[in-house]
Amino acid sequence: MSSSNQRAELQAQIWKIANDVRGSIDGWDFKQYVLGTLFYRFISEHFTQYIEGGDDSVNYPSLSDSVISDDIKDDAIKVKGYFIYPSELFCNIAKSANSNESLNTDLAKIFTNIESSANGYNSEDDIKGLFADFDTTSNRLGGTVTEKNKRLSAVIKGIEKLNFGDFEDNQIDLFGDAYEYLISNYASNAGKSGGEFFTPQSVSNLIAKLAIFGQNSINKIYDPACGSGSLLLRAKKEFDSHIIEDGFWGQEINHTTYNLARMNMFLHNINYDKFQIALGDTLTEPKFRDDKPFDAIVSNPPYSVKWIGKDDPTLINDDRFAPAGVLPPKSKADFAFVLHSLDYLSAKGRAGIVCFPGIFYRGGTEQKIRKYLVDNNYIETIISLAPNLFFGTSIAVNILVLSKHKTDNKIQFIDASGEEFFKKATNNNILEDKHIQKIIDIFAKKEDIEYISKIVDSKTIEENDYNLSVSSYVEAKDTKELIDIVELNRELKETVKKIDRLRDDIDKIVNEIEL
């Protein structure tokens, strides 16, 4: 099945599930049940494949739980990170979902069992709480047990009908496509938060390509505000798995999206020992300090959020912020994420960060931080993208590319906001593969291109008060029609002559009528 057909089938099925439970579950809450069920089906099928090991004589779903020995369970948890008994598999629950009067409590027990199976093992932190947002007893599903079971069954039977064969053979990002589709359809409910939680796949693709550009292998990749993990997973698609040597790392402050990120790792067949996703505030509770540096960093941090800033006097001595000599303003934490990423970046690596345009021209402490970044030669490129690429916001964002291995003191500015760099769509504009490749080609060449890119030395930037706005260096193409004044005057004279002749003719006609 082609990617377009897979995507169309996925969206049609999700919309059918939505119609089956319409009016009972808020759209944004409904998203959690669809994604949670999709995840439950995936780990059930993936676990079945592992146990059967390609042996056609073994049918794990048909086995009795009682024949599973403790040794089998122990070995499976050490390898896969969790355990699912045959009776708890998605396929077996789906068979009787319509008639199971205790479906909601059965599911709650199964999810608890899957999570607790990892207790005491190395995977415990990676599995714990994965189903926390899949509340099968919530009144959002209905006021009675019967109503809850009816809606849970509708979601389960709907996900059961998805027919993509092996998940690993899919041509699309199944989880990401489902998430993006749900966000786009429930944007009014999601508001700005939806855009913060998910980076569109096309933008993720561009950022991943920038971060890993020119590197044949990287030790590990990191996202300090990882959301649902889409940026990390785009990098996986860019590299064969063995080239990202130590895996995928991320931190997320929102508990719901923290769970989605971990689910997403499993859905992309990244084993628990190849990813580290932590919960917490990256700026005040940074994780993985003992694990840095990272050869590739990708990030779409929340725009201009408030943080504690100078109200915490210890932060100015933090290794991440001390070199700049100032802290970003309390009302705008954008540069705090930038400085954090810079501190975690290796000497050979790159960081691709989505940034709010205002940080590149505002004054105050943000200007001082720009001075620090420019004077120490950490900025490689700043790219201005087209507007309306993200869910929940129409602003035209920038991508900041940081590097610690530059060989010159120049910064590249790219204006990729023109119509040749995106496709117009109904809800959001889209970066297609050809647009992404065009931006990457410009990034690689580091050449001046009229109206598109400019290479600027640090001295010029210093003279411009460290203004890093792309429009300050890349001249905008004048799309207004050129007017030939001489020709215009000639046409006006001819027009005046015609008007005078008409007036004479009218005067003659009036005189004849009067006579």
Protein backbone atom coordinates (compact mmCIF):
# COMPACT_ATOMS: atom_id res chain seq x y z
CA MET A 1 0.00 0.00 0.00
CA SER A 2 1.37 3.43 -0.96
CA SER A 3 2.00 6.11 1.65
CA SER A 4 -0.86 8.29 0.34
CA ASN A 5 -3.27 5.33 0.49
CA GLN A 6 -2.09 4.40 3.97
CA ARG A 7 -2.53 7.94 5.18
CA ALA A 8 -5.98 8.23 3.60
CA GLU A 9 -7.07 4.94 5.17
CA LEU A 10 -5.73 5.98 8.56
CA GLN A 11 -7.54 9.32 8.47
CA ALA A 12 -10.79 7.81 7.25
CA GLN A 13 -10.75 5.23 10.02
CA ILE A 14 -9.94 7.77 12.73
CA TRP A 15 -12.78 9.99 11.50
CA LYS A 16 -15.15 7.04 11.58
CA ILE A 17 -14.14 6.30 15.18
CA ALA A 18 -14.70 9.97 16.01
CA ASN A 19 -18.22 9.80 14.56
CA ASP A 20 -18.98 6.65 16.56
CA VAL A 21 -18.25 8.43 19.83
CA ARG A 22 -19.21 11.96 18.72
CA GLY A 23 -20.89 14.03 21.38
CA SER A 24 -19.59 11.95 24.26
CA ILE A 25 -15.89 12.76 24.40
CA ASP A 26 -14.29 16.15 23.89
CA GLY A 27 -12.14 16.10 20.75
CA TRP A 28 -8.92 16.84 22.56
CA ASP A 29 -9.63 14.09 25.11
CA PHE A 30 -10.69 11.72 22.33
CA LYS A 31 -7.16 12.07 20.92
CA GLN A 32 -5.76 10.38 24.01
CA TYR A 33 -7.97 7.33 23.61
CA VAL A 34 -7.17 6.87 19.91
CA LEU A 35 -3.42 7.20 20.39
CA GLY A 36 -3.46 5.06 23.54
CA THR A 37 -5.38 2.29 21.78
CA LEU A 38 -3.10 2.49 18.76
CA PHE A 39 -0.13 2.09 21.10
CA TYR A 40 -1.77 -0.82 22.94
CA ARG A 41 -2.32 -2.62 19.64
CA PHE A 42 1.24 -1.99 18.52
CA ILE A 43 3.01 -3.28 21.63
CA SER A 44 0.69 -6.31 21.69
CA GLU A 45 1.54 -7.25 18.11
CA HIS A 46 5.20 -6.42 18.49
CA PHE A 47 5.45 -8.48 21.68
CA THR A 48 3.69 -11.39 19.93
CA GLN A 49 6.23 -11.26 17.10
CA TYR A 50 9.07 -11.35 19.60
CA ILE A 51 7.70 -14.36 21.51
CA GLU A 52 6.89 -16.33 18.36
CA GLY A 53 10.30 -15.57 16.87
CA GLY A 54 9.17 -16.33 13.32
CA ASP A 55 8.13 -19.89 14.25
CA ASP A 56 4.83 -20.60 12.45
CA SER A 57 4.10 -23.47 14.85
CA VAL A 58 3.80 -21.01 17.76
CA ASN A 59 0.59 -19.00 18.14
CA TYR A 60 1.10 -16.85 21.22
CA PRO A 61 -2.41 -15.28 21.37
CA SER A 62 -3.97 -18.77 21.56
CA LEU A 63 -1.85 -19.92 24.50
CA SER A 64 -3.08 -20.12 28.07
CA ASP A 65 -1.53 -17.70 30.52
CA SER A 66 -0.73 -20.64 32.79
CA VAL A 67 1.82 -22.15 30.38
CA ILE A 68 4.02 -19.04 30.54
CA SER A 69 6.94 -19.79 32.84
CA ASP A 70 8.67 -17.24 35.05
CA ASP A 71 11.86 -17.71 33.01
CA ILE A 72 10.11 -16.80 29.77
CA LYS A 73 8.61 -13.74 31.42
CA ASP A 74 11.93 -12.70 32.93
CA ASP A 75 13.82 -13.03 29.65
CA ALA A 76 11.15 -11.11 27.74
CA ILE A 77 11.19 -8.18 30.15
CA LYS A 78 14.98 -7.97 30.01
CA VAL A 79 14.84 -7.75 26.22
CA LYS A 80 11.60 -5.85 25.46
CA GLY A 81 11.22 -3.99 28.74
CA TYR A 82 7.68 -5.21 29.49
CA PHE A 83 5.48 -8.33 29.43
CA ILE A 84 1.97 -9.05 28.13
CA TYR A 85 0.16 -12.32 28.83
CA PRO A 86 -1.79 -13.90 25.93
CA SER A 87 -5.15 -13.07 27.48
CA GLU A 88 -4.12 -9.42 27.76
CA LEU A 89 -3.18 -8.95 24.10
CA PHE A 90 -5.09 -6.37 22.08
CA CYS A 91 -6.38 -8.97 19.60
CA ASN A 92 -7.96 -11.05 22.36
CA ILE A 93 -9.55 -8.05 24.08
CA ALA A 94 -10.88 -6.78 20.73
CA LYS A 95 -12.62 -10.10 20.00
CA SER A 96 -15.09 -9.69 22.85
CA ALA A 97 -15.02 -5.90 23.21
CA ASN A 98 -18.66 -5.43 22.14
CA SER A 99 -20.01 -7.94 24.64
CA ASN A 100 -17.57 -7.56 27.55
CA GLU A 101 -19.54 -6.02 30.43
CA SER A 102 -16.33 -5.35 32.38
CA LEU A 103 -14.29 -3.98 29.46
CA ASN A 104 -13.32 -0.74 31.18
CA THR A 105 -12.05 -2.40 34.36
CA ASP A 106 -10.38 -5.20 32.38
CA LEU A 107 -8.44 -2.63 30.36
CA ALA A 108 -7.44 -0.73 33.49
CA LYS A 109 -6.10 -3.95 35.01
CA ILE A 110 -4.23 -4.90 31.82
CA PHE A 111 -2.55 -1.50 31.59
CA THR A 112 -1.52 -1.72 35.23
CA ASN A 113 -0.12 -5.21 34.67
CA ILE A 114 1.92 -4.12 31.64
CA GLU A 115 3.43 -1.19 33.53
CA SER A 116 4.10 -3.16 36.73
CA SER A 117 5.74 -5.99 34.77
CA ALA A 118 8.82 -3.76 34.47
CA ASN A 119 9.10 -3.10 38.22
CA GLY A 120 12.59 -3.94 39.41
CA TYR A 121 14.00 -4.10 35.88
CA ASN A 122 16.15 -1.59 33.98
CA SER A 123 13.12 -0.58 31.93
CA GLU A 124 11.00 0.42 34.94
CA ASP A 125 11.28 4.18 34.42
CA ASP A 126 10.67 3.84 30.68
CA ILE A 127 7.43 1.87 31.15
CA LYS A 128 5.97 3.43 34.30
CA GLY A 129 2.90 5.58 33.67
CA LEU A 130 2.68 4.95 29.92
CA PHE A 131 -1.10 4.50 30.12
CA ALA A 132 -1.70 7.21 32.72
CA ASP A 133 -3.76 9.31 30.30
CA PHE A 134 -5.85 6.36 29.13
CA ASP A 135 -8.41 6.57 31.95
CA THR A 136 -10.94 3.83 31.28
CA THR A 137 -13.04 4.78 34.32
CA SER A 138 -13.34 8.49 33.45
CA ASN A 139 -16.80 10.05 33.38
CA ARG A 140 -15.76 11.64 30.10
CA LEU A 141 -16.55 8.25 28.57
CA GLY A 142 -20.06 8.22 30.01
CA GLY A 143 -22.00 8.29 33.23
CA THR A 144 -22.56 4.54 33.45
CA VAL A 145 -20.37 1.49 33.00
CA THR A 146 -22.44 0.49 29.97
CA GLU A 147 -21.80 3.86 28.30
CA LYS A 148 -18.08 3.68 29.09
CA ASN A 149 -17.78 0.20 27.64
CA LYS A 150 -19.75 1.14 24.52
CA ARG A 151 -17.36 3.98 23.69
CA LEU A 152 -14.22 2.08 24.59
CA SER A 153 -15.40 -0.75 22.38
CA ALA A 154 -16.00 1.66 19.49
CA VAL A 155 -12.42 2.92 19.70
CA ILE A 156 -10.95 -0.59 20.05
CA LYS A 157 -12.94 -2.06 17.16
CA GLY A 158 -12.06 0.95 15.03
CA ILE A 159 -8.32 0.60 15.64
CA GLU A 160 -8.66 -3.16 15.04
CA LYS A 161 -9.83 -2.46 11.48
CA LEU A 162 -6.66 -0.61 10.54
CA ASN A 163 -4.92 -2.92 8.10
CA PHE A 164 -1.29 -1.99 7.56
CA GLY A 165 0.35 -5.38 7.99
CA ASP A 166 3.51 -5.12 10.09
CA PHE A 167 3.88 -1.71 11.69
CA GLU A 168 7.56 -1.65 10.76
CA ASP A 169 6.72 -2.00 7.06
CA ASN A 170 4.50 1.09 7.01
CA GLN A 171 5.34 3.82 4.52
CA ILE A 172 4.08 6.54 6.87
CA ASP A 173 4.75 7.70 10.42
CA LEU A 174 1.64 5.97 11.77
CA PHE A 175 1.62 7.57 15.22
CA GLY A 176 2.78 10.97 13.98
CA ASP A 177 0.23 11.00 11.17
CA ALA A 178 -2.56 10.07 13.55
CA TYR A 179 -1.46 12.76 15.99
CA GLU A 180 -1.13 15.42 13.29
CA TYR A 181 -4.54 14.53 11.85
CA LEU A 182 -6.20 14.70 15.26
CA ILE A 183 -4.58 18.04 16.05
CA SER A 184 -5.61 19.56 12.73
CA ASN A 185 -9.22 18.45 13.22
CA TYR A 186 -9.43 19.59 16.83
CA ALA A 187 -7.34 22.74 16.52
CA SER A 188 -10.10 24.90 18.00
CA ASN A 189 -10.02 22.81 21.17
CA ALA A 190 -6.27 22.40 21.26
CA GLY A 191 -5.47 26.08 20.84
CA LYS A 192 -1.85 27.14 20.97
CA SER A 193 -0.91 24.14 23.09
CA GLY A 194 -1.41 21.80 20.15
CA GLY A 195 1.28 23.61 18.18
CA GLU A 196 3.62 23.47 21.15
CA PHE A 197 3.12 19.72 21.55
CA PHE A 198 3.70 18.78 17.93
CA THR A 199 6.12 19.91 15.26
CA PRO A 200 4.75 19.21 11.75
CA GLN A 201 6.61 16.35 10.11
CA SER A 202 7.89 18.49 7.24
CA VAL A 203 9.46 21.05 9.59
CA SER A 204 10.85 18.24 11.75
CA ASN A 205 12.42 16.77 8.62
CA LEU A 206 14.17 20.06 7.80
CA ILE A 207 15.49 20.55 11.35
CA ALA A 208 16.77 16.97 11.53
CA LYS A 209 18.60 17.37 8.21
CA LEU A 210 20.22 20.57 9.44
CA ALA A 211 21.30 19.07 12.77
CA ILE A 212 22.93 15.99 11.28
CA PHE A 213 24.26 17.67 8.12
CA GLY A 214 27.74 16.49 7.17
CA GLN A 215 27.99 13.92 9.97
CA ASN A 216 28.46 10.29 9.01
CA SER A 217 27.69 9.16 12.54
CA ILE A 218 26.57 10.76 15.78
CA ASN A 219 26.87 9.56 19.36
CA LYS A 220 23.32 10.48 20.34
CA ILE A 221 20.59 12.99 19.52
CA TYR A 222 18.81 15.21 22.05
CA ASP A 223 15.70 17.40 22.25
CA PRO A 224 15.41 19.55 25.41
CA ALA A 225 11.68 20.20 24.82
CA CYS A 226 10.78 17.00 23.03
CA GLY A 227 6.96 17.09 23.08
CA SER A 228 5.69 13.91 21.45
CA GLY A 229 9.17 13.09 20.12
CA SER A 230 8.51 13.92 16.46
CA LEU A 231 11.79 15.79 15.99
CA LEU A 232 13.86 12.95 17.40
CA LEU A 233 12.10 10.42 15.24
CA ARG A 234 12.61 12.37 12.03
CA ALA A 235 16.33 12.09 12.69
CA LYS A 236 15.91 8.33 12.95
CA LYS A 237 14.45 8.30 9.45
CA GLU A 238 17.45 10.26 8.18
CA PHE A 239 19.98 7.77 9.52
CA ASP A 240 20.15 4.01 9.57
CA SER A 241 19.71 2.95 13.18
CA HIS A 242 23.34 1.90 13.67
CA ILE A 243 24.67 5.39 12.83
CA ILE A 244 22.98 6.97 15.87
CA GLU A 245 25.21 5.03 18.21
CA ASP A 246 23.75 5.58 21.69
CA GLY A 247 20.17 6.50 20.92
CA PHE A 248 17.60 9.22 21.53
CA TRP A 249 17.34 11.58 24.49
CA GLY A 250 14.72 14.14 25.43
CA GLN A 251 13.05 16.04 28.25
CA GLU A 252 9.44 17.21 28.42
CA ILE A 253 7.61 19.26 31.05
CA ASN A 254 4.04 18.21 30.14
CA HIS A 255 3.10 14.82 31.57
CA THR A 256 0.70 13.89 28.76
CA THR A 257 3.17 14.59 25.98
CA TYR A 258 5.95 12.96 28.00
CA ASN A 259 3.92 9.76 27.85
CA LEU A 260 3.24 10.25 24.14
CA ALA A 261 6.97 10.65 23.47
CA ARG A 262 7.76 7.35 25.18
CA MET A 263 4.93 5.62 23.32
CA ASN A 264 6.29 7.07 20.09
CA MET A 265 9.72 5.55 20.74
CA PHE A 266 8.20 2.09 21.11
CA LEU A 267 6.01 2.62 18.04
CA HIS A 268 9.14 3.30 16.01
CA ASN A 269 10.75 0.11 17.26
CA ILE A 270 13.27 1.93 19.45
CA ASN A 271 13.91 -0.40 22.37
CA TYR A 272 13.80 0.92 25.93
CA ASP A 273 17.61 0.75 26.23
CA LYS A 274 18.03 3.05 23.21
CA PHE A 275 16.04 6.03 24.46
CA GLN A 276 16.00 8.22 27.54
CA ILE A 277 12.95 10.48 27.91
CA ALA A 278 12.75 12.45 31.17
CA LEU A 279 9.91 14.40 32.79
CA GLY A 280 10.61 17.84 34.19
CA ASP A 281 11.38 21.51 33.54
CA THR A 282 14.46 21.63 31.32
CA LEU A 283 15.42 25.15 32.42
CA THR A 284 15.27 24.64 36.18
CA GLU A 285 15.55 20.84 36.48
CA PRO A 286 17.84 19.86 33.59
CA LYS A 287 18.42 16.13 33.13
CA PHE A 288 21.28 14.28 31.43
CA ARG A 289 24.06 16.61 32.54
CA ASP A 290 26.29 13.59 33.01
CA ASP A 291 25.38 12.33 29.52
CA LYS A 292 26.34 15.39 27.46
CA PRO A 293 27.68 16.37 25.00
CA PHE A 294 25.39 15.46 22.12
CA ASP A 295 26.43 15.46 18.46
CA ALA A 296 22.97 16.50 17.28
CA ILE A 297 20.32 18.62 19.01
CA VAL A 298 16.87 19.36 17.60
CA SER A 299 14.29 21.51 19.33
CA ASN A 300 11.04 23.42 19.01
CA PRO A 301 10.79 24.96 22.49
CA PRO A 302 7.66 26.88 23.56
CA TYR A 303 7.70 30.47 22.34
CA SER A 304 8.33 33.26 24.84
CA VAL A 305 7.16 31.39 27.93
CA LYS A 306 7.77 32.85 31.38
CA TRP A 307 10.44 31.37 33.62
CA ILE A 308 12.01 32.15 36.98
CA GLY A 309 15.07 33.88 35.48
CA LYS A 310 16.86 36.33 37.75
CA ASP A 311 14.51 35.56 40.65
CA ASP A 312 16.73 32.50 41.18
CA PRO A 313 20.16 34.01 41.93
CA THR A 314 21.88 30.64 41.51
CA LEU A 315 21.07 30.44 37.78
CA ILE A 316 23.63 33.08 36.81
CA ASN A 317 26.31 30.66 38.02
CA ASP A 318 24.82 27.75 36.09
CA ASP A 319 27.23 26.36 33.47
CA ARG A 320 24.59 26.93 30.79
CA PHE A 321 24.07 30.65 31.45
CA ALA A 322 27.24 31.88 33.18
CA PRO A 323 29.34 32.29 29.99
CA ALA A 324 26.83 34.78 28.55
CA GLY A 325 27.01 36.87 31.73
CA VAL A 326 23.25 37.57 31.75
CA LEU A 327 20.00 35.65 32.04
CA PRO A 328 17.18 35.87 29.48
CA PRO A 329 14.25 38.01 30.68
CA LYS A 330 11.71 36.39 32.98
CA SER A 331 8.91 37.06 30.49
CA LYS A 332 10.69 35.40 27.56
CA ALA A 333 12.65 32.17 28.07
CA ASP A 334 13.53 31.66 24.38
CA PHE A 335 17.25 32.30 24.77
CA ALA A 336 17.35 30.15 27.92
CA PHE A 337 16.56 27.14 25.71
CA VAL A 338 19.16 28.28 23.18
CA LEU A 339 21.90 28.60 25.83
CA HIS A 340 20.88 25.26 27.33
CA SER A 341 21.23 23.58 23.92
CA LEU A 342 24.58 25.25 23.28
CA ASP A 343 25.92 23.90 26.58
CA TYR A 344 24.78 20.35 25.71
CA LEU A 345 26.22 20.47 22.15
CA SER A 346 29.44 18.64 21.29
CA ALA A 347 32.42 20.22 19.53
CA LYS A 348 31.56 18.40 16.27
CA GLY A 349 27.80 18.76 16.40
CA ARG A 350 25.01 21.07 15.31
CA ALA A 351 21.79 22.23 16.93
CA GLY A 352 18.69 23.16 14.92
CA ILE A 353 16.26 25.22 17.02
CA VAL A 354 12.90 26.74 16.08
CA CYS A 355 12.86 30.33 17.39
CA PHE A 356 10.40 33.19 17.72
CA PRO A 357 11.64 35.98 15.39
CA GLY A 358 11.56 38.66 18.09
CA ILE A 359 14.60 37.30 19.91
CA PHE A 360 16.80 38.26 16.96
CA TYR A 361 16.18 42.00 17.13
CA ARG A 362 14.90 42.92 20.61
CA GLY A 363 17.17 44.90 22.93
CA GLY A 364 18.09 44.47 26.60
CA THR A 365 19.53 41.19 27.84
CA GLU A 366 18.53 39.41 24.63
CA GLN A 367 20.84 41.74 22.69
CA LYS A 368 23.67 40.94 25.13
CA ILE A 369 23.11 37.21 24.59
CA ARG A 370 23.21 37.71 20.82
CA LYS A 371 26.51 39.54 21.28
CA TYR A 372 27.89 36.59 23.25
CA LEU A 373 26.80 34.11 20.57
CA VAL A 374 28.20 36.20 17.70
CA ASP A 375 31.49 37.16 19.39
CA ASN A 376 32.15 33.51 20.24
CA ASN A 377 31.24 32.37 16.72
CA TYR A 378 28.51 29.91 17.70
CA ILE A 379 25.88 30.88 15.09
CA GLU A 380 26.16 29.22 11.70
CA THR A 381 22.85 30.05 10.03
CA ILE A 382 19.50 31.74 10.66
CA ILE A 383 16.63 30.73 8.38
CA SER A 384 13.33 32.58 8.06
CA LEU A 385 10.50 30.19 7.17
CA ALA A 386 7.09 30.82 5.62
CA PRO A 387 4.15 31.77 7.85
CA ASN A 388 1.39 29.39 8.97
CA LEU A 389 3.44 26.18 9.00
CA PHE A 390 2.56 25.24 12.59
CA PHE A 391 -0.73 24.27 14.23
CA GLY A 392 -2.05 26.92 16.59
CA THR A 393 0.04 29.83 15.30
CA SER A 394 0.37 31.66 11.99
CA ILE A 395 3.67 33.42 12.71
CA ALA A 396 6.65 32.95 10.40
CA VAL A 397 9.23 31.30 12.65
CA ASN A 398 13.01 31.15 12.29
CA ILE A 399 15.42 28.25 12.58
CA LEU A 400 18.67 28.93 14.42
CA VAL A 401 21.58 26.63 13.58
CA LEU A 402 24.31 26.52 16.24
CA SER A 403 27.77 25.05 15.66
CA LYS A 404 31.01 24.89 17.64
CA HIS A 405 33.23 23.95 14.72
CA LYS A 406 32.96 26.90 12.33
CA THR A 407 36.04 27.78 10.28
CA ASP A 408 35.16 31.43 9.65
CA ASN A 409 33.58 34.38 11.47
CA LYS A 410 30.58 34.72 9.20
CA ILE A 411 26.88 34.01 9.62
CA GLN A 412 24.57 32.80 6.88
CA PHE A 413 21.10 34.35 6.60
CA ILE A 414 18.45 32.57 4.49
CA ASP A 415 15.05 33.96 3.60
CA ALA A 416 12.95 30.86 2.87
CA SER A 417 9.62 32.61 3.30
CA GLY A 418 8.89 33.14 -0.39
CA GLU A 419 6.28 31.16 -2.31
CA GLU A 420 8.97 29.02 -3.96
CA PHE A 421 9.69 27.54 -0.51
CA PHE A 422 6.25 26.22 0.48
CA LYS A 423 2.94 24.90 -0.78
CA LYS A 424 -0.24 26.74 0.12
CA ALA A 425 -2.87 24.56 1.77
CA THR A 426 -6.32 25.10 3.29
CA ASN A 427 -5.41 25.04 6.97
CA ASN A 428 -1.62 25.25 7.11
CA ASN A 429 1.12 25.85 4.59
CA ILE A 430 3.34 22.84 3.88
CA LEU A 431 7.04 22.28 3.25
CA GLU A 432 7.31 19.60 0.59
CA ASP A 433 10.43 17.50 0.01
CA LYS A 434 11.53 19.74 -2.86
CA HIS A 435 11.30 22.82 -0.62
CA ILE A 436 13.29 21.14 2.14
CA GLN A 437 15.99 20.03 -0.28
CA LYS A 438 16.23 23.52 -1.74
CA ILE A 439 16.82 25.00 1.73
CA ILE A 440 19.43 22.33 2.53
CA ASP A 441 21.24 23.00 -0.76
CA ILE A 442 21.40 26.72 0.03
CA PHE A 443 22.58 25.96 3.57
CA ALA A 444 25.35 23.72 2.22
CA LYS A 445 26.71 26.13 -0.39
CA LYS A 446 27.12 29.16 1.91
CA GLU A 447 26.86 31.59 -1.00
CA ASP A 448 25.13 34.90 -1.57
CA ILE A 449 21.93 34.47 -3.59
CA GLU A 450 20.02 37.60 -4.51
CA TYR A 451 16.87 38.00 -2.42
CA ILE A 452 17.41 34.61 -0.73
CA SER A 453 20.70 34.27 1.15
CA LYS A 454 23.53 36.46 2.43
CA ILE A 455 26.84 35.66 4.10
CA VAL A 456 27.63 38.38 6.66
CA ASP A 457 30.84 38.82 8.65
CA SER A 458 30.69 39.38 12.40
CA LYS A 459 32.09 42.92 12.09
CA THR A 460 29.08 44.01 10.03
CA ILE A 461 26.74 42.41 12.58
CA GLU A 462 28.55 44.21 15.40
CA GLU A 463 28.11 47.52 13.56
CA ASN A 464 24.41 46.70 13.26
CA ASP A 465 24.09 46.39 17.09
CA TYR A 466 23.98 42.57 16.83
CA ASN A 467 20.67 42.60 15.04
CA LEU A 468 20.22 39.07 13.65
CA SER A 469 16.93 39.52 11.84
CA VAL A 470 17.09 37.89 8.40
CA SER A 471 15.34 40.85 6.78
CA SER A 472 18.17 43.15 7.95
CA TYR A 473 20.64 41.38 5.67
CA VAL A 474 18.67 39.69 2.87
CA GLU A 475 17.10 42.26 0.58
CA ALA A 476 13.44 41.54 -0.11
CA LYS A 477 12.51 41.17 -3.74
CA ASP A 478 10.41 44.09 -4.95
CA THR A 479 7.30 42.48 -6.39
CA LYS A 480 5.60 45.79 -7.15
CA GLU A 481 5.03 46.60 -10.83
CA LEU A 482 7.64 48.94 -12.32
CA ILE A 483 6.14 52.11 -13.79
CA ASP A 484 7.68 53.96 -16.77
CA ILE A 485 7.04 57.63 -15.91
CA VAL A 486 7.81 58.87 -19.45
CA GLU A 487 5.37 56.39 -20.99
CA LEU A 488 2.78 57.20 -18.34
CA ASN A 489 3.01 60.93 -19.11
CA ARG A 490 2.65 60.24 -22.83
CA GLU A 491 -0.49 58.14 -22.20
CA LEU A 492 -1.92 60.87 -19.95
CA LYS A 493 -1.41 63.51 -22.67
CA GLU A 494 -3.18 61.30 -25.22
CA THR A 495 -6.02 60.72 -22.79
CA VAL A 496 -6.41 64.45 -22.15
CA LYS A 497 -6.54 65.10 -25.92
CA LYS A 498 -9.30 62.47 -26.31
CA ILE A 499 -11.26 64.04 -23.47
CA ASP A 500 -10.97 67.49 -25.09
CA ARG A 501 -12.21 66.11 -28.44
CA LEU A 502 -15.16 64.45 -26.70
CA ARG A 503 -16.05 67.71 -24.97
CA ASP A 504 -16.01 69.55 -28.32
CA ASP A 505 -18.27 66.90 -29.86
CA ILE A 506 -20.69 67.11 -26.93
CA ASP A 507 -20.80 70.93 -27.15
CA LYS A 508 -21.66 70.74 -30.86
CA ILE A 509 -24.50 68.25 -30.18
CA VAL A 510 -25.91 70.46 -27.41
CA ASN A 511 -25.82 73.54 -29.66
CA GLU A 512 -27.68 71.69 -32.44
CA ILE A 513 -30.37 70.56 -29.98
CA GLU A 514 -30.84 74.11 -28.70
CA LEU A 515 -31.24 75.48 -32.24
